[in-house]
Amino acid sequence: MTADASRVPPAAAPERRAGRANLSQLIQLRWLAVVGQLATVLAVHLGLSITLPWAEMLGLLGVLVAFNLFSLWRNRLVRPVSQIELCIALLVDVGVLTGQLYLAGGSGNPFIYLYLMQVAVASVLLRPAYLMAVVLSAVTGFVLLTQWHRPLQLDLSMPTTLSPNYLGGLLLCFLLNVGLLSVFIVRINRNLRQRDAELAAARQRAAEEEHIVRMGLLASGAAHELGTPLATLSVILGDWAHMAPFAAEPELREEIEEMQRQIQRCKAIVTGILMSAGEMRGEAPQPATLRAFIDGLAGRWRAAHPQAELAVVQRDLPAREIISDSALQQVVANLLDNAAEAAPGTRLTLLAHCPDGATLSLSVLDDGPGFDAERLRHFGAPYQSSKGQPGRGMGLFLSVNVARTLGGRLEARNRAEGGAAVTLTLPLAALLPRQSPPHARR
């Protein structure tokens, strides 16, 4: 049993535990039903001196006991408890209850409303299709008991049959109770499941945000540590450029100049990391129009990737100023970097448009092989990279969370004409300059 249990997939473990727990609850309720029915039969037959077919009723209780012992054995098996097994168990309970009521007065027996407990339990444990089977069995048993049953001899001077009007009202009341009970319990369960799903999503988002905070602290610390050696290298290379042995060699001088350019680029990257981490905010944010923002972003990316071909298409962009957010710039640059690595040598397209005047859509299109089904399914998850290198795949993860922080979303798809498309959709209001309140301007 232990070896088989170890092979159960982790995703199936919660459902398996729930099935076993639900069957255990039914077993406990059935023991209570056995004790309660036995006490009721003995009290009525012996205490109230009402004649009951006690031998047949005790026989039905024996059937219930035997079925409960079988359920105990079934619950010890390795195989998960399915919905149909729970449904069959409840149908057995309904059947035994119907038999007991048939022997004890039918619809005139006050215990007939125990059907409602079966419906309530089924509404909590079963899916709608199986719940309908239990509801139909309870309603059918109720209707049949209004016509066929053994009457109780309570008082020989009183009639043993109920009037049709009373039976009709009783049936209508029972149907209303069954219907309302099943509908509302199913809805409450659905709301609870939706709440649990939202809580799980919130916990996942909190874990991701905590991961991002740790990465931001690590990046900020690394940027601080890299600042000093980069400045030292820049000073040394500046001195070398003015030394006679290097100045007399054109090739060495070109190499020194290239090294200085690369160090300047590294220093710019470090500065960008510090700004993204919330430091160096002394400068006021620079507003720019959407078109200028897109053109500047594309120009900087072309300068850093002279071998790549990038086309920019702008459609229906309003002439409004936005804040040139460094995080948004990094997201778009990261999307372009990923497209250039996934489809080297192909033409990239940055498509920017505002379809409704209130939403900004930025799409990076390439003519490469596109995403496979597995990458699309886990798009944006950390450490899910097609490059096959450890530690990769964080760029898209961070981009997804930056988009979420700005109130937007990041989506990927394969284009019908070939290639991939990654679209960043943002509310334009998230990029607009915030207006100061009137009292702050006084």
Protein backbone atom coordinates (compact mmCIF):
# COMPACT_ATOMS: atom_id res chain seq x y z
CA MET A 1 0.00 0.00 0.00
CA THR A 2 2.85 2.37 0.83
CA ALA A 3 4.60 1.75 -2.48
CA ASP A 4 1.41 2.39 -4.45
CA ALA A 5 0.64 5.51 -2.46
CA SER A 6 4.09 6.93 -3.23
CA ARG A 7 3.32 6.77 -6.93
CA VAL A 8 0.23 8.99 -6.67
CA PRO A 9 0.83 12.30 -8.51
CA PRO A 10 1.06 15.28 -6.11
CA ALA A 11 -1.75 17.09 -7.97
CA ALA A 12 -4.13 14.18 -7.27
CA ALA A 13 -3.31 13.96 -3.55
CA PRO A 14 -5.77 16.67 -2.36
CA GLU A 15 -8.65 15.17 -4.36
CA ARG A 16 -7.78 11.72 -3.06
CA ARG A 17 -7.75 12.91 0.54
CA ALA A 18 -11.05 14.72 0.03
CA GLY A 19 -12.72 11.57 -1.33
CA ARG A 20 -11.58 9.51 1.63
CA ALA A 21 -12.63 12.21 4.11
CA ASN A 22 -16.06 12.49 2.49
CA LEU A 23 -16.61 8.73 2.61
CA SER A 24 -15.54 8.73 6.27
CA GLN A 25 -18.15 11.41 7.00
CA LEU A 26 -20.85 9.30 5.32
CA ILE A 27 -19.78 6.27 7.36
CA GLN A 28 -20.07 8.23 10.61
CA LEU A 29 -23.47 9.65 9.63
CA ARG A 30 -24.66 6.14 8.73
CA TRP A 31 -23.67 4.82 12.18
CA LEU A 32 -25.66 7.66 13.73
CA ALA A 33 -28.60 6.76 11.47
CA VAL A 34 -28.40 3.11 12.54
CA VAL A 35 -28.37 4.01 16.25
CA GLY A 36 -31.12 6.61 15.81
CA GLN A 37 -33.42 4.32 13.81
CA LEU A 38 -32.88 1.45 16.26
CA ALA A 39 -33.69 3.68 19.23
CA THR A 40 -36.78 5.06 17.47
CA VAL A 41 -38.13 1.62 16.54
CA LEU A 42 -37.66 0.30 20.07
CA ALA A 43 -39.12 3.42 21.70
CA VAL A 44 -42.21 3.43 19.46
CA HIS A 45 -42.77 -0.31 19.53
CA LEU A 46 -42.13 -0.84 23.25
CA GLY A 47 -42.58 2.57 24.85
CA LEU A 48 -45.61 3.88 22.92
CA SER A 49 -47.17 0.45 22.30
CA ILE A 50 -47.58 1.23 18.61
CA THR A 51 -47.52 -1.84 16.45
CA LEU A 52 -44.58 -1.81 14.04
CA PRO A 53 -43.21 -4.53 11.72
CA TRP A 54 -40.09 -4.44 13.86
CA ALA A 55 -38.57 -7.62 12.42
CA GLU A 56 -38.59 -6.21 8.87
CA MET A 57 -37.37 -2.81 10.08
CA LEU A 58 -34.50 -4.42 11.98
CA GLY A 59 -33.71 -6.38 8.80
CA LEU A 60 -33.32 -3.09 6.90
CA LEU A 61 -31.05 -1.83 9.68
CA GLY A 62 -28.97 -4.99 9.21
CA VAL A 63 -28.62 -4.12 5.52
CA LEU A 64 -27.44 -0.63 6.50
CA VAL A 65 -24.91 -2.06 8.97
CA ALA A 66 -23.58 -4.50 6.37
CA PHE A 67 -23.21 -1.72 3.80
CA ASN A 68 -21.40 0.47 6.32
CA LEU A 69 -18.95 -2.33 7.11
CA PHE A 70 -18.34 -2.69 3.37
CA SER A 71 -17.75 1.09 3.17
CA LEU A 72 -15.18 0.86 5.96
CA TRP A 73 -13.33 -1.83 4.00
CA ARG A 74 -13.58 0.23 0.79
CA ASN A 75 -12.13 3.32 2.46
CA ARG A 76 -8.98 1.39 3.37
CA LEU A 77 -8.18 0.61 -0.26
CA VAL A 78 -5.50 2.56 -2.13
CA ARG A 79 -7.77 3.49 -5.04
CA PRO A 80 -9.27 7.01 -4.62
CA VAL A 81 -12.95 7.30 -3.76
CA SER A 82 -14.82 8.58 -6.81
CA GLN A 83 -17.93 10.72 -7.07
CA ILE A 84 -20.01 7.83 -8.38
CA GLU A 85 -19.12 5.77 -5.29
CA LEU A 86 -20.26 8.58 -2.99
CA CYS A 87 -23.44 8.88 -5.06
CA ILE A 88 -24.15 5.14 -4.76
CA ALA A 89 -23.61 5.32 -1.00
CA LEU A 90 -26.16 8.13 -0.68
CA LEU A 91 -28.62 6.27 -2.92
CA VAL A 92 -28.36 3.27 -0.60
CA ASP A 93 -29.14 5.55 2.36
CA VAL A 94 -32.15 6.98 0.52
CA GLY A 95 -33.33 3.48 -0.38
CA VAL A 96 -33.11 2.19 3.20
CA LEU A 97 -34.88 5.31 4.50
CA THR A 98 -37.65 4.80 1.92
CA GLY A 99 -38.04 1.18 3.06
CA GLN A 100 -38.28 2.18 6.71
CA LEU A 101 -40.87 4.86 5.94
CA TYR A 102 -42.87 2.38 3.83
CA LEU A 103 -43.11 0.08 6.84
CA ALA A 104 -44.01 2.94 9.24
CA GLY A 105 -46.78 5.04 7.75
CA GLY A 106 -45.28 6.44 4.51
CA SER A 107 -45.74 10.18 3.91
CA GLY A 108 -47.66 10.54 7.15
CA ASN A 109 -44.56 9.64 9.16
CA PRO A 110 -42.94 12.81 10.58
CA PHE A 111 -39.49 11.37 9.87
CA ILE A 112 -40.11 11.70 6.12
CA TYR A 113 -38.22 15.00 6.16
CA LEU A 114 -35.01 13.08 6.77
CA TYR A 115 -34.91 13.02 2.97
CA LEU A 116 -33.82 16.66 3.21
CA MET A 117 -30.70 15.67 5.14
CA GLN A 118 -29.73 13.28 2.32
CA VAL A 119 -30.24 16.06 -0.23
CA ALA A 120 -28.19 18.51 1.88
CA VAL A 121 -25.30 16.05 2.24
CA ALA A 122 -25.40 15.28 -1.50
CA SER A 123 -25.38 19.02 -2.31
CA VAL A 124 -22.14 19.43 -0.35
CA LEU A 125 -20.32 16.31 -1.54
CA LEU A 126 -21.45 15.67 -5.12
CA ARG A 127 -21.20 17.38 -8.45
CA PRO A 128 -24.48 18.58 -10.02
CA ALA A 129 -25.04 15.50 -12.21
CA TYR A 130 -24.74 13.09 -9.27
CA LEU A 131 -26.67 15.46 -7.00
CA MET A 132 -29.58 15.31 -9.44
CA ALA A 133 -29.66 11.50 -9.09
CA VAL A 134 -30.01 11.77 -5.30
CA VAL A 135 -32.66 14.52 -5.59
CA LEU A 136 -34.69 12.45 -8.07
CA SER A 137 -34.48 9.36 -5.86
CA ALA A 138 -35.66 11.34 -2.80
CA VAL A 139 -38.55 12.96 -4.67
CA THR A 140 -39.52 9.61 -6.22
CA GLY A 141 -39.48 7.93 -2.82
CA PHE A 142 -41.63 10.71 -1.36
CA VAL A 143 -44.22 10.45 -4.15
CA LEU A 144 -44.37 6.68 -3.98
CA LEU A 145 -44.84 6.77 -0.21
CA THR A 146 -47.91 8.99 -0.61
CA GLN A 147 -49.61 6.12 -2.49
CA TRP A 148 -48.05 2.91 -1.19
CA HIS A 149 -47.17 2.30 2.43
CA ARG A 150 -48.23 0.36 5.49
CA PRO A 151 -50.45 2.54 7.66
CA LEU A 152 -49.68 3.10 11.31
CA GLN A 153 -52.42 2.04 13.71
CA LEU A 154 -52.24 4.97 16.10
CA ASP A 155 -55.95 5.22 17.02
CA LEU A 156 -58.58 2.87 15.63
CA SER A 157 -61.18 5.67 15.70
CA MET A 158 -59.08 7.91 13.41
CA PRO A 159 -58.77 7.46 9.64
CA THR A 160 -55.52 5.90 8.47
CA THR A 161 -55.30 7.86 5.21
CA LEU A 162 -54.54 11.53 4.63
CA SER A 163 -56.68 13.82 2.49
CA PRO A 164 -55.51 14.51 -1.11
CA ASN A 165 -55.25 18.26 -0.38
CA TYR A 166 -52.93 17.61 2.56
CA LEU A 167 -50.81 15.25 0.53
CA GLY A 168 -50.59 17.75 -2.33
CA GLY A 169 -49.49 20.53 -0.01
CA LEU A 170 -47.01 18.22 1.69
CA LEU A 171 -45.52 17.23 -1.65
CA LEU A 172 -45.30 20.87 -2.80
CA CYS A 173 -43.58 21.84 0.47
CA PHE A 174 -41.15 18.97 0.11
CA LEU A 175 -40.30 19.88 -3.51
CA LEU A 176 -39.71 23.51 -2.54
CA ASN A 177 -37.43 22.48 0.32
CA VAL A 178 -35.46 20.06 -1.84
CA GLY A 179 -35.08 22.53 -4.70
CA LEU A 180 -34.09 25.52 -2.60
CA LEU A 181 -31.77 23.49 -0.40
CA SER A 182 -29.86 21.94 -3.29
CA VAL A 183 -29.63 25.19 -5.30
CA PHE A 184 -28.39 27.37 -2.48
CA ILE A 185 -25.94 24.85 -1.08
CA VAL A 186 -24.48 24.31 -4.57
CA ARG A 187 -24.13 28.07 -5.02
CA ILE A 188 -22.53 28.50 -1.62
CA ASN A 189 -20.06 25.72 -2.41
CA ARG A 190 -19.25 27.36 -5.75
CA ASN A 191 -18.65 30.69 -4.01
CA LEU A 192 -16.40 28.98 -1.47
CA ARG A 193 -14.42 27.28 -4.23
CA GLN A 194 -14.06 30.59 -6.06
CA ARG A 195 -12.88 32.25 -2.85
CA ASP A 196 -10.34 29.49 -2.30
CA ALA A 197 -9.08 29.89 -5.86
CA GLU A 198 -8.73 33.66 -5.39
CA LEU A 199 -6.90 33.15 -2.09
CA ALA A 200 -4.55 30.68 -3.75
CA ALA A 201 -3.89 33.18 -6.56
CA ALA A 202 -3.27 35.93 -4.01
CA ARG A 203 -0.82 33.74 -2.09
CA GLN A 204 0.96 32.90 -5.33
CA ARG A 205 1.16 36.59 -6.24
CA ALA A 206 2.49 37.46 -2.79
CA ALA A 207 5.17 34.78 -3.11
CA GLU A 208 6.16 36.11 -6.53
CA GLU A 209 6.30 39.69 -5.25
CA GLU A 210 8.45 38.58 -2.31
CA HIS A 211 10.74 36.84 -4.79
CA ILE A 212 10.95 40.02 -6.84
CA VAL A 213 11.77 42.10 -3.76
CA ARG A 214 14.63 39.75 -2.90
CA MET A 215 15.91 39.98 -6.48
CA GLY A 216 15.64 43.77 -6.36
CA LEU A 217 17.66 43.93 -3.15
CA LEU A 218 20.25 41.57 -4.62
CA ALA A 219 20.47 43.60 -7.84
CA SER A 220 20.74 46.87 -5.92
CA GLY A 221 23.53 45.48 -3.73
CA ALA A 222 25.35 44.11 -6.76
CA ALA A 223 25.03 47.45 -8.52
CA HIS A 224 26.55 49.25 -5.54
CA GLU A 225 29.40 46.76 -5.40
CA LEU A 226 30.08 47.03 -9.15
CA GLY A 227 30.18 50.83 -9.12
CA THR A 228 33.62 51.10 -7.51
CA PRO A 229 35.54 48.63 -9.73
CA LEU A 230 33.92 50.10 -12.86
CA ALA A 231 35.00 53.60 -11.84
CA THR A 232 38.50 52.32 -11.14
CA LEU A 233 38.70 50.63 -14.56
CA SER A 234 37.45 53.80 -16.23
CA VAL A 235 40.22 55.87 -14.59
CA ILE A 236 42.93 53.34 -15.48
CA LEU A 237 41.84 53.18 -19.11
CA GLY A 238 41.78 56.96 -19.26
CA ASP A 239 45.37 57.04 -18.04
CA TRP A 240 46.38 54.36 -20.53
CA ALA A 241 44.89 56.34 -23.39
CA HIS A 242 47.28 59.21 -22.66
CA MET A 243 50.40 57.08 -22.19
CA ALA A 244 52.92 57.25 -25.02
CA PRO A 245 53.29 53.49 -25.66
CA PHE A 246 49.51 53.14 -26.18
CA ALA A 247 49.07 56.44 -28.01
CA ALA A 248 51.68 55.37 -30.57
CA GLU A 249 49.79 52.16 -31.42
CA PRO A 250 46.49 52.84 -33.29
CA GLU A 251 45.22 49.29 -32.74
CA LEU A 252 45.82 49.44 -29.00
CA ARG A 253 44.19 52.86 -28.85
CA GLU A 254 41.08 51.53 -30.64
CA GLU A 255 40.87 48.63 -28.21
CA ILE A 256 41.17 50.99 -25.26
CA GLU A 257 38.38 53.17 -26.70
CA GLU A 258 36.18 50.10 -27.19
CA MET A 259 36.85 49.04 -23.59
CA GLN A 260 35.92 52.54 -22.41
CA ARG A 261 32.64 52.36 -24.36
CA GLN A 262 31.80 48.99 -22.84
CA ILE A 263 32.57 50.28 -19.33
CA GLN A 264 30.33 53.28 -19.96
CA ARG A 265 27.60 50.90 -21.02
CA CYS A 266 28.10 48.83 -17.85
CA LYS A 267 27.90 51.99 -15.76
CA ALA A 268 24.67 52.96 -17.54
CA ILE A 269 23.22 49.52 -16.78
CA VAL A 270 24.22 49.86 -13.11
CA THR A 271 22.61 53.30 -12.99
CA GLY A 272 19.43 51.88 -14.49
CA ILE A 273 19.36 49.11 -11.89
CA LEU A 274 19.70 51.62 -9.06
CA MET A 275 16.96 53.79 -10.52
CA SER A 276 14.65 50.80 -10.93
CA ALA A 277 15.37 49.78 -7.34
CA GLY A 278 14.10 53.15 -6.09
CA GLU A 279 17.40 54.97 -5.66
CA MET A 280 18.80 58.04 -7.40
CA ARG A 281 15.32 59.63 -7.57
CA GLY A 282 16.64 63.12 -7.18
CA GLU A 283 15.90 63.92 -10.80
CA ALA A 284 12.34 64.82 -11.72
CA PRO A 285 10.65 62.33 -14.06
CA GLN A 286 10.80 63.46 -17.66
CA PRO A 287 7.43 63.57 -19.45
CA ALA A 288 7.31 62.65 -23.12
CA THR A 289 4.68 62.01 -25.74
CA LEU A 290 3.84 58.44 -26.58
CA ARG A 291 5.47 58.72 -29.99
CA ALA A 292 8.66 60.21 -28.54
CA PHE A 293 8.74 57.52 -25.86
CA ILE A 294 8.42 54.70 -28.43
CA ASP A 295 10.95 56.28 -30.81
CA GLY A 296 13.47 56.87 -28.02
CA LEU A 297 13.11 53.34 -26.72
CA ALA A 298 13.55 51.86 -30.20
CA GLY A 299 16.54 54.11 -30.89
CA ARG A 300 18.35 53.06 -27.73
CA TRP A 301 17.69 49.40 -28.48
CA ARG A 302 18.99 49.76 -32.06
CA ALA A 303 22.14 51.44 -30.74
CA ALA A 304 22.78 48.53 -28.37
CA HIS A 305 21.98 45.93 -31.08
CA PRO A 306 23.35 47.32 -34.36
CA GLN A 307 23.19 43.90 -36.02
CA ALA A 308 19.42 43.54 -35.45
CA GLU A 309 16.70 44.91 -37.75
CA LEU A 310 13.82 46.60 -35.92
CA ALA A 311 10.79 48.24 -37.53
CA VAL A 312 8.49 50.49 -35.50
CA VAL A 313 4.79 50.81 -36.34
CA GLN A 314 2.65 53.36 -34.47
CA ARG A 315 -1.13 53.52 -34.87
CA ASP A 316 -3.75 55.77 -33.32
CA LEU A 317 -1.46 57.06 -30.57
CA PRO A 318 -2.95 60.10 -28.81
CA ALA A 319 -0.84 63.24 -28.54
CA ARG A 320 -0.64 63.02 -24.74
CA GLU A 321 2.34 63.23 -22.45
CA ILE A 322 3.26 60.22 -20.31
CA ILE A 323 5.93 59.56 -17.70
CA SER A 324 8.90 57.75 -19.23
CA ASP A 325 8.89 54.92 -16.69
CA SER A 326 12.25 53.13 -16.48
CA ALA A 327 10.61 49.82 -15.53
CA LEU A 328 8.40 49.96 -18.62
CA GLN A 329 11.41 50.74 -20.80
CA GLN A 330 13.22 47.73 -19.34
CA VAL A 331 10.20 45.48 -19.98
CA VAL A 332 9.97 46.42 -23.66
CA ALA A 333 13.75 46.15 -24.08
CA ASN A 334 13.66 42.71 -22.49
CA LEU A 335 10.91 41.60 -24.88
CA LEU A 336 12.97 42.82 -27.82
CA ASP A 337 16.07 41.04 -26.48
CA ASN A 338 14.14 37.78 -26.14
CA ALA A 339 12.74 38.08 -29.66
CA ALA A 340 16.21 38.80 -31.08
CA GLU A 341 17.66 35.73 -29.31
CA ALA A 342 14.76 33.45 -30.27
CA ALA A 343 14.75 34.54 -33.93
CA PRO A 344 18.29 35.72 -34.82
CA GLY A 345 18.70 37.31 -38.21
CA THR A 346 14.96 37.96 -38.69
CA ARG A 347 13.12 41.24 -38.82
CA LEU A 348 11.54 42.42 -35.57
CA THR A 349 8.54 44.70 -35.37
CA LEU A 350 7.50 46.88 -32.44
CA LEU A 351 3.79 47.66 -32.89
CA ALA A 352 2.32 50.39 -30.67
CA HIS A 353 -1.31 51.41 -30.84
CA CYS A 354 -4.21 52.58 -28.69
CA PRO A 355 -7.30 50.76 -29.97
CA ASP A 356 -9.79 52.59 -27.73
CA GLY A 357 -7.89 55.71 -26.67
CA ALA A 358 -7.61 54.44 -23.09
CA THR A 359 -5.39 51.37 -23.50
CA LEU A 360 -1.82 51.19 -24.76
CA SER A 361 -0.84 48.00 -26.57
CA LEU A 362 2.84 47.27 -27.28
CA SER A 363 3.50 44.15 -29.36
CA VAL A 364 6.87 42.64 -30.26
CA LEU A 365 6.56 40.52 -33.42
CA ASP A 366 9.19 38.23 -34.92
CA ASP A 367 9.43 35.78 -37.81
CA GLY A 368 11.04 32.98 -35.81
CA PRO A 369 9.80 29.48 -34.95
CA GLY A 370 7.32 30.73 -32.34
CA PHE A 371 6.47 29.20 -28.97
CA ASP A 372 5.89 25.53 -28.40
CA ALA A 373 2.81 24.44 -26.43
CA GLU A 374 4.78 23.90 -23.21
CA ARG A 375 6.29 27.42 -23.28
CA LEU A 376 2.92 29.00 -23.94
CA ARG A 377 1.38 27.08 -21.05
CA HIS A 378 4.07 28.26 -18.62
CA PHE A 379 4.62 31.70 -20.13
CA GLY A 380 5.90 34.13 -17.52
CA ALA A 381 6.75 31.47 -14.93
CA PRO A 382 10.19 31.87 -13.31
CA TYR A 383 13.10 29.79 -14.58
CA GLN A 384 11.14 28.67 -17.66
CA SER A 385 13.54 29.50 -20.48
CA SER A 386 13.93 28.03 -23.94
CA LYS A 387 17.67 28.81 -23.82
CA GLY A 388 18.39 25.75 -21.68
CA GLN A 389 20.72 27.62 -19.33
CA PRO A 390 20.39 27.67 -15.54
CA GLY A 391 19.12 30.89 -14.03
CA ARG A 392 17.50 32.06 -17.25
CA GLY A 393 13.82 32.80 -17.77
CA MET A 394 13.59 35.54 -15.13
CA GLY A 395 13.20 38.36 -17.64
CA LEU A 396 9.69 37.37 -18.70
CA PHE A 397 8.76 36.62 -15.09
CA LEU A 398 9.76 40.14 -14.06
CA SER A 399 8.06 41.63 -17.10
CA VAL A 400 4.78 39.89 -16.23
CA ASN A 401 4.91 41.28 -12.70
CA VAL A 402 5.80 44.81 -13.85
CA ALA A 403 2.80 44.72 -16.21
CA ARG A 404 0.61 43.49 -13.34
CA THR A 405 1.88 46.30 -11.09
CA LEU A 406 0.92 48.86 -13.74
CA GLY A 407 -2.56 47.33 -14.02
CA GLY A 408 -1.94 45.55 -17.32
CA ARG A 409 -1.09 42.11 -18.62
CA LEU A 410 1.49 40.37 -20.78
CA GLU A 411 0.31 37.74 -23.26
CA ALA A 412 2.05 35.52 -25.81
CA ARG A 413 0.75 33.78 -28.90
CA ASN A 414 1.90 32.29 -32.17
CA ARG A 415 1.08 34.27 -35.28
CA ALA A 416 -0.95 32.66 -38.05
CA GLU A 417 1.60 33.78 -40.65
CA GLY A 418 4.49 32.37 -38.60
CA GLY A 419 6.56 33.67 -35.75
CA ALA A 420 5.63 34.79 -32.27
CA ALA A 421 3.89 37.82 -30.80
CA VAL A 422 4.21 39.06 -27.22
CA THR A 423 1.76 41.83 -26.35
CA LEU A 424 1.96 44.18 -23.37
CA THR A 425 -1.40 45.82 -22.66
CA LEU A 426 -1.56 48.71 -20.17
CA PRO A 427 -4.17 51.24 -19.12
CA LEU A 428 -2.99 54.58 -20.45
CA ALA A 429 -3.96 56.23 -17.16
CA ALA A 430 -1.16 54.31 -15.38
CA LEU A 431 1.44 56.19 -17.45
CA LEU A 432 -0.05 59.68 -17.27
CA PRO A 433 1.50 62.30 -14.94
CA ARG A 434 -0.31 62.48 -11.62
CA GLN A 435 -1.98 65.79 -10.92
CA SER A 436 -1.10 67.40 -7.62
CA PRO A 437 -4.08 68.08 -5.32
CA PRO A 438 -5.17 71.73 -5.15
CA HIS A 439 -3.92 72.26 -1.56
CA ALA A 440 -0.44 71.01 -2.53
CA ARG A 441 -0.03 73.79 -5.13
CA ARG A 442 -0.73 76.62 -2.74
